[in-house]
Amino acid sequence: MQLKKVSKKLASLAVAGAIAFSVIPAPTAHADILGTIIGAGVQYAALNQEINYLDNEGRDEYFQKMQEQYGVNDDPYLNARLDSIMENLTAAIAQVDPTINEKPYNYFINNDKSFNAFCTLGHNISVNTGMFDMVANDDEVAVVLGHEMGHGQNKHVQKGIRDAMIAQVGAAILTNGSALGQLAAQVAGNVHMPRAKEREADKMAFQYLIHSNYNPGACAAIWQRVMERSTSGGSFLSDHPDHKDRRDTYAKSLTEYSDGKVKIDADAAMVKVNGKDFVTPAPADDMSSHERAYFVMGNLATAYHNGHGAATAWADGNTLMLGDQPIMEAAAGDPSAAELAERLNAIK
């Protein structure tokens, strides 16, 4: 088996998962099948070699094939935004996992208009143009990419393909000894990342955001936004947690991050401080009251986590501050920043 031949087969396939969708995936592994089928170990070793190649020295070659397959959006505004987000996230991740510096991510924007982004072998990422149409701001894009980079940093793609290969190699030999290229196509095109790994990637996205300057409330806010704007129901794929579950899990993480000081009544979009009602933000800036509430919650959680809970709340023009942490911009329909400061000082 020639390395480049199989590499071309693999590199032409659909790449891995998404914030909303999935990484090249992994059903339950059947590791014991290799020991029962003559020749399976040889084929698996060859496929494993191909995976290692595309994940390392062949990753730039794979990246070029991705660009050819999906097309590249060269819009300077969108690309400048993506460059900034990837730079910020890379710096944040390096605080948690310095190995990112050994294999920096390749990334590009493709022309697909749907809400998605995906990460595949070799730390190669593509972001759909439609991602920028869905989100409210770069904080929400950072959540999406943080999720994908969580898959990458935890080697979910490689593990998923390898597990699937074990089962598929055996199946190929039992039936008609399919060629490795056909086998690779079946595996890469038809398996999905299990829910446990999707949840792990969500958890990593939160960790990355709290080490950045992005608002961690965006982790819950993006799923509130998707719930409001999506017609797909509870989840994009059955192997993913549903939107509400992801939102509420992130809200719990925010409460924990605030040392239990900040909570939310999700139905009423009421942000609570020390168990007392603080504010239900008005709809503003293309966001509903509910979506804005998670951004307020994120800023408050950051303030408490960083020790500003004892500081005085004050108004800086239309911006409510708690110590040196901005909490929210008072929009039309909100109480004034001064009123909000008085209210927060009374309950914080």
Protein backbone atom coordinates (compact mmCIF):
# COMPACT_ATOMS: atom_id res chain seq x y z
CA MET A 1 0.00 0.00 0.00
CA GLN A 2 1.51 3.28 -1.11
CA LEU A 3 1.23 6.03 1.51
CA LYS A 4 0.29 8.82 -0.87
CA LYS A 5 -2.44 6.82 -2.55
CA VAL A 6 -4.25 6.16 0.69
CA SER A 7 -3.55 9.68 1.91
CA LYS A 8 -5.33 11.10 -1.12
CA LYS A 9 -8.30 8.87 -0.43
CA LEU A 10 -8.51 10.01 3.17
CA ALA A 11 -7.82 13.66 2.46
CA SER A 12 -10.67 13.89 -0.01
CA LEU A 13 -13.26 12.82 2.55
CA ALA A 14 -15.59 14.87 4.70
CA VAL A 15 -13.69 16.40 7.59
CA ALA A 16 -14.51 16.34 11.25
CA GLY A 17 -17.25 17.79 13.36
CA ALA A 18 -18.60 20.97 14.63
CA ILE A 19 -19.93 22.95 17.49
CA ALA A 20 -23.29 22.01 16.28
CA PHE A 21 -22.52 18.92 14.32
CA SER A 22 -19.75 16.40 14.92
CA VAL A 23 -16.15 15.51 14.56
CA ILE A 24 -15.07 12.55 12.49
CA PRO A 25 -16.55 10.28 14.85
CA ALA A 26 -16.57 7.15 16.77
CA PRO A 27 -19.12 4.46 17.40
CA THR A 28 -18.34 1.84 20.01
CA ALA A 29 -14.95 0.30 19.29
CA HIS A 30 -14.78 -3.45 18.73
CA ALA A 31 -11.13 -3.90 19.66
CA ASP A 32 -11.36 -7.67 19.99
CA ILE A 33 -12.27 -8.15 16.32
CA LEU A 34 -8.67 -7.76 15.19
CA GLY A 35 -7.56 -10.84 17.03
CA THR A 36 -10.11 -13.03 15.27
CA ILE A 37 -9.59 -12.08 11.65
CA ILE A 38 -6.49 -13.01 9.68
CA GLY A 39 -4.85 -10.01 8.09
CA ALA A 40 -6.86 -7.41 9.96
CA GLY A 41 -3.86 -6.26 11.94
CA VAL A 42 -1.88 -5.57 8.78
CA GLN A 43 -4.64 -3.48 7.24
CA TYR A 44 -5.29 -1.62 10.47
CA ALA A 45 -1.59 -0.80 10.80
CA ALA A 46 -1.58 0.63 7.28
CA LEU A 47 -4.63 2.75 8.00
CA ASN A 48 -3.18 3.89 11.29
CA GLN A 49 -0.07 4.98 9.40
CA GLU A 50 -2.24 7.07 7.09
CA ILE A 51 -3.98 8.73 10.01
CA ASN A 52 -0.64 9.59 11.60
CA TYR A 53 0.61 10.99 8.30
CA LEU A 54 -2.38 13.28 7.78
CA ASP A 55 -2.27 14.34 11.40
CA ASN A 56 1.37 15.36 11.29
CA GLU A 57 3.72 15.80 8.32
CA GLY A 58 0.85 15.57 5.83
CA ARG A 59 -1.43 18.04 7.58
CA ASP A 60 -0.65 20.96 5.27
CA GLU A 61 -1.32 18.77 2.25
CA TYR A 62 -4.62 17.74 3.84
CA PHE A 63 -5.43 21.40 4.55
CA GLN A 64 -4.96 22.31 0.89
CA LYS A 65 -7.30 19.50 -0.14
CA MET A 66 -9.89 20.80 2.32
CA GLN A 67 -9.70 24.24 0.73
CA GLU A 68 -10.09 22.74 -2.72
CA GLN A 69 -13.07 20.67 -1.60
CA TYR A 70 -14.98 23.34 0.31
CA GLY A 71 -13.86 26.57 -1.35
CA VAL A 72 -12.33 29.60 0.35
CA ASN A 73 -14.09 32.82 1.30
CA ASP A 74 -11.54 35.63 1.04
CA ASP A 75 -13.74 38.38 2.51
CA PRO A 76 -11.17 40.62 4.28
CA TYR A 77 -13.52 41.65 7.10
CA LEU A 78 -14.50 38.10 8.02
CA ASN A 79 -10.93 36.84 7.73
CA ALA A 80 -9.62 39.65 9.95
CA ARG A 81 -12.19 38.69 12.58
CA LEU A 82 -11.23 35.03 12.35
CA ASP A 83 -7.51 35.84 12.57
CA SER A 84 -8.10 37.84 15.74
CA ILE A 85 -10.28 35.17 17.36
CA MET A 86 -7.86 32.35 16.55
CA GLU A 87 -4.93 34.39 17.88
CA ASN A 88 -6.77 35.14 21.12
CA LEU A 89 -7.95 31.56 21.60
CA THR A 90 -4.51 30.14 20.88
CA ALA A 91 -3.05 32.35 23.61
CA ALA A 92 -5.82 31.32 26.02
CA ILE A 93 -5.43 27.62 25.29
CA ALA A 94 -1.67 27.85 25.74
CA GLN A 95 -2.32 28.76 29.39
CA VAL A 96 -4.24 25.51 29.84
CA ASP A 97 -2.44 23.28 27.35
CA PRO A 98 0.95 24.52 26.08
CA THR A 99 1.12 21.69 23.52
CA ILE A 100 -0.93 23.89 21.18
CA ASN A 101 2.31 25.72 20.41
CA GLU A 102 3.76 22.52 18.97
CA LYS A 103 1.03 22.26 16.34
CA PRO A 104 -0.69 25.62 15.67
CA TYR A 105 -4.03 25.39 13.91
CA ASN A 106 -4.53 25.87 10.19
CA TYR A 107 -7.88 27.53 9.46
CA PHE A 108 -9.97 29.10 6.70
CA ILE A 109 -13.49 30.28 5.97
CA ASN A 110 -15.47 28.25 3.46
CA ASN A 111 -18.50 29.38 1.46
CA ASP A 112 -21.15 27.20 3.13
CA LYS A 113 -24.05 29.35 4.37
CA SER A 114 -25.10 27.03 7.20
CA PHE A 115 -24.19 27.45 10.87
CA ASN A 116 -21.17 25.23 11.37
CA ALA A 117 -17.43 24.90 11.88
CA PHE A 118 -15.34 21.77 11.96
CA CYS A 119 -11.96 20.47 13.07
CA THR A 120 -10.24 17.48 11.55
CA LEU A 121 -6.88 15.73 11.51
CA GLY A 122 -3.75 17.86 11.72
CA HIS A 123 -5.41 20.68 13.69
CA ASN A 124 -7.13 21.79 10.48
CA ILE A 125 -10.24 23.94 10.99
CA SER A 126 -12.79 25.37 8.59
CA VAL A 127 -15.50 27.87 9.51
CA ASN A 128 -18.67 28.19 7.45
CA THR A 129 -19.50 31.68 6.22
CA GLY A 130 -22.94 31.07 7.72
CA MET A 131 -21.38 31.01 11.19
CA PHE A 132 -20.88 34.76 11.02
CA ASP A 133 -24.48 35.25 9.91
CA MET A 134 -25.83 33.38 12.92
CA VAL A 135 -23.82 34.76 15.84
CA ALA A 136 -24.24 38.06 17.62
CA ASN A 137 -20.56 38.86 18.15
CA ASP A 138 -17.01 37.49 18.23
CA ASP A 139 -17.49 36.15 21.76
CA GLU A 140 -20.01 33.65 20.38
CA VAL A 141 -17.72 32.73 17.47
CA ALA A 142 -15.02 32.08 20.08
CA VAL A 143 -17.30 29.58 21.81
CA VAL A 144 -17.79 27.69 18.55
CA LEU A 145 -14.08 27.62 17.77
CA GLY A 146 -13.17 26.85 21.36
CA HIS A 147 -15.38 23.77 21.11
CA GLU A 148 -13.67 22.67 17.91
CA MET A 149 -10.22 23.29 19.34
CA GLY A 150 -11.27 21.27 22.39
CA HIS A 151 -11.82 18.35 20.02
CA GLY A 152 -8.41 19.00 18.49
CA GLN A 153 -6.51 19.35 21.76
CA ASN A 154 -8.07 16.18 23.14
CA LYS A 155 -7.33 14.18 19.97
CA HIS A 156 -10.98 13.25 19.55
CA VAL A 157 -10.69 13.03 15.78
CA GLN A 158 -7.77 10.63 15.80
CA LYS A 159 -9.34 8.45 18.50
CA GLY A 160 -12.66 8.39 16.71
CA ILE A 161 -11.21 7.29 13.39
CA ARG A 162 -9.00 4.66 14.98
CA ASP A 163 -11.87 3.15 16.95
CA ALA A 164 -14.05 3.05 13.86
CA MET A 165 -11.25 1.53 11.78
CA ILE A 166 -11.00 -1.44 14.14
CA ALA A 167 -14.60 -2.37 13.45
CA GLN A 168 -14.55 -1.51 9.76
CA VAL A 169 -11.33 -3.38 8.97
CA GLY A 170 -12.87 -6.51 10.42
CA ALA A 171 -16.10 -5.99 8.52
CA ALA A 172 -14.22 -5.51 5.26
CA ILE A 173 -12.31 -8.77 5.64
CA LEU A 174 -15.37 -10.72 6.71
CA THR A 175 -17.29 -9.62 3.62
CA ASN A 176 -15.14 -9.20 0.57
CA GLY A 177 -11.76 -7.82 1.58
CA SER A 178 -12.54 -4.27 0.48
CA ALA A 179 -9.65 -2.05 -0.55
CA LEU A 180 -8.27 0.23 2.12
CA GLY A 181 -9.34 3.31 0.22
CA GLN A 182 -12.98 2.16 0.12
CA LEU A 183 -12.78 1.25 3.79
CA ALA A 184 -11.42 4.67 4.70
CA ALA A 185 -14.27 6.33 2.82
CA GLN A 186 -16.85 4.28 4.71
CA VAL A 187 -15.33 5.08 8.07
CA ALA A 188 -14.72 8.79 7.61
CA GLY A 189 -18.08 9.39 6.00
CA ASN A 190 -20.39 7.51 8.33
CA VAL A 191 -19.30 7.76 11.95
CA HIS A 192 -19.96 10.44 14.56
CA MET A 193 -18.38 11.62 17.80
CA PRO A 194 -20.13 10.24 20.90
CA ARG A 195 -21.96 12.59 23.22
CA ALA A 196 -19.39 12.22 25.98
CA LYS A 197 -16.73 13.75 23.74
CA GLU A 198 -19.09 16.53 22.62
CA ARG A 199 -19.65 17.39 26.28
CA GLU A 200 -15.91 17.29 26.89
CA ALA A 201 -15.35 19.73 24.02
CA ASP A 202 -18.04 22.02 25.46
CA LYS A 203 -16.30 21.91 28.83
CA MET A 204 -12.97 22.78 27.24
CA ALA A 205 -14.52 25.73 25.38
CA PHE A 206 -15.60 27.20 28.72
CA GLN A 207 -12.11 26.72 30.15
CA TYR A 208 -10.58 28.42 27.15
CA LEU A 209 -12.94 31.40 27.33
CA ILE A 210 -12.30 32.09 31.01
CA HIS A 211 -8.60 32.33 30.17
CA SER A 212 -9.34 34.90 27.46
CA ASN A 213 -10.88 38.37 27.33
CA TYR A 214 -14.09 36.98 25.85
CA ASN A 215 -17.27 36.98 27.94
CA PRO A 216 -17.81 33.41 29.23
CA GLY A 217 -21.54 34.12 29.23
CA ALA A 218 -21.33 33.70 25.46
CA CYS A 219 -21.10 29.93 26.04
CA ALA A 220 -24.72 29.86 27.20
CA ALA A 221 -25.83 32.80 25.04
CA ILE A 222 -24.92 31.11 21.73
CA TRP A 223 -27.17 28.15 22.52
CA GLN A 224 -29.98 30.46 23.59
CA ARG A 225 -29.60 32.18 20.23
CA VAL A 226 -29.60 28.88 18.35
CA MET A 227 -32.72 27.78 20.24
CA GLU A 228 -34.49 30.96 19.19
CA ARG A 229 -33.40 30.88 15.55
CA SER A 230 -33.10 27.21 14.68
CA THR A 231 -35.86 25.07 13.21
CA SER A 232 -33.97 21.83 13.88
CA GLY A 233 -35.54 21.14 17.25
CA GLY A 234 -33.55 20.01 20.26
CA SER A 235 -30.22 19.22 18.61
CA PHE A 236 -28.50 19.26 15.24
CA LEU A 237 -27.58 15.57 15.54
CA SER A 238 -28.81 12.81 17.81
CA ASP A 239 -25.30 12.25 19.16
CA HIS A 240 -25.11 15.83 20.49
CA PRO A 241 -26.64 17.21 23.68
CA ASP A 242 -29.69 19.28 22.84
CA HIS A 243 -29.49 23.09 22.72
CA LYS A 244 -31.29 23.68 26.03
CA ASP A 245 -29.11 21.14 27.82
CA ARG A 246 -25.96 22.80 26.53
CA ARG A 247 -27.22 26.26 27.50
CA ASP A 248 -28.20 25.16 30.99
CA THR A 249 -24.94 23.26 31.54
CA TYR A 250 -23.01 26.40 30.69
CA ALA A 251 -25.24 28.46 33.00
CA LYS A 252 -24.35 26.09 35.85
CA SER A 253 -20.68 26.52 34.99
CA LEU A 254 -21.10 30.29 35.22
CA THR A 255 -22.71 29.96 38.65
CA GLU A 256 -19.83 27.78 39.83
CA TYR A 257 -17.34 30.25 38.36
CA SER A 258 -18.98 33.04 40.40
CA ASP A 259 -18.64 30.97 43.60
CA GLY A 260 -22.41 30.55 43.65
CA LYS A 261 -23.13 34.28 43.65
CA VAL A 262 -24.75 34.61 40.22
CA LYS A 263 -27.67 32.56 38.90
CA ILE A 264 -30.35 32.91 36.29
CA ASP A 265 -34.06 32.21 36.00
CA ALA A 266 -33.89 30.99 32.41
CA ASP A 267 -37.62 31.23 31.79
CA ALA A 268 -37.87 34.84 32.94
CA ALA A 269 -34.39 35.90 31.73
CA MET A 270 -33.86 37.22 35.26
CA VAL A 271 -30.25 37.48 36.41
CA LYS A 272 -30.00 36.94 40.17
CA VAL A 273 -27.25 38.02 42.56
CA ASN A 274 -27.05 36.41 46.00
CA GLY A 275 -30.45 34.85 45.37
CA LYS A 276 -32.13 38.22 44.70
CA ASP A 277 -33.51 39.56 41.41
CA PHE A 278 -31.13 41.93 39.71
CA VAL A 279 -32.20 42.55 36.11
CA THR A 280 -34.00 41.19 33.09
CA PRO A 281 -32.26 42.98 30.22
CA ALA A 282 -34.39 44.44 27.45
CA PRO A 283 -33.96 43.12 23.91
CA ALA A 284 -31.16 45.03 22.19
CA ASP A 285 -28.42 44.75 19.58
CA ASP A 286 -30.15 41.92 17.70
CA MET A 287 -30.34 39.91 20.92
CA SER A 288 -33.36 38.84 22.93
CA SER A 289 -33.70 39.53 26.65
CA HIS A 290 -32.74 35.93 27.29
CA GLU A 291 -29.57 36.05 25.20
CA ARG A 292 -28.45 39.34 26.75
CA ALA A 293 -29.08 37.93 30.22
CA TYR A 294 -26.35 35.34 29.74
CA PHE A 295 -23.85 38.03 28.76
CA VAL A 296 -24.74 39.98 31.91
CA MET A 297 -24.41 36.77 33.89
CA GLY A 298 -20.98 36.13 32.34
CA ASN A 299 -19.65 39.56 33.27
CA LEU A 300 -20.97 39.29 36.82
CA ALA A 301 -19.49 35.81 37.20
CA THR A 302 -16.13 37.14 36.02
CA ALA A 303 -16.31 40.03 38.49
CA TYR A 304 -17.00 37.74 41.43
CA HIS A 305 -14.41 35.18 40.33
CA ASN A 306 -11.77 37.91 40.10
CA GLY A 307 -12.56 39.25 43.56
CA HIS A 308 -14.56 42.34 42.61
CA GLY A 309 -17.72 41.28 44.45
CA ALA A 310 -16.94 43.58 47.37
CA ALA A 311 -16.24 46.53 45.07
CA THR A 312 -18.73 49.35 44.55
CA ALA A 313 -21.01 49.22 41.53
CA TRP A 314 -21.01 52.48 39.60
CA ALA A 315 -22.11 54.06 36.35
CA ASP A 316 -19.59 54.97 33.69
CA GLY A 317 -21.90 56.79 31.30
CA ASN A 318 -24.33 54.12 30.09
CA THR A 319 -22.13 51.27 31.33
CA LEU A 320 -22.68 49.55 34.67
CA MET A 321 -19.37 48.72 36.33
CA LEU A 322 -18.56 46.52 39.33
CA GLY A 323 -15.13 47.64 40.41
CA ASP A 324 -13.20 47.69 37.13
CA GLN A 325 -15.36 44.99 35.48
CA PRO A 326 -17.96 46.19 32.95
CA ILE A 327 -21.25 44.39 33.61
CA MET A 328 -23.72 45.69 31.03
CA GLU A 329 -24.43 48.55 28.71
CA ALA A 330 -27.81 50.08 29.55
CA ALA A 331 -29.85 49.99 26.35
CA ALA A 332 -33.27 51.40 25.52
CA GLY A 333 -35.76 49.65 27.78
CA ASP A 334 -33.19 48.95 30.52
CA PRO A 335 -32.94 50.87 33.78
CA SER A 336 -30.20 53.49 33.60
CA ALA A 337 -26.68 52.49 34.53
CA ALA A 338 -27.01 54.59 37.70
CA GLU A 339 -30.21 52.78 38.66
CA LEU A 340 -28.62 49.43 37.99
CA ALA A 341 -25.60 50.36 40.14
CA GLU A 342 -27.85 51.34 43.04
CA ARG A 343 -29.76 48.08 42.70
CA LEU A 344 -26.60 45.97 42.52
CA ASN A 345 -25.01 47.71 45.50
CA ALA A 346 -28.09 46.84 47.55
CA ILE A 347 -27.88 43.09 46.86
CA LYS A 348 -24.29 42.22 46.06
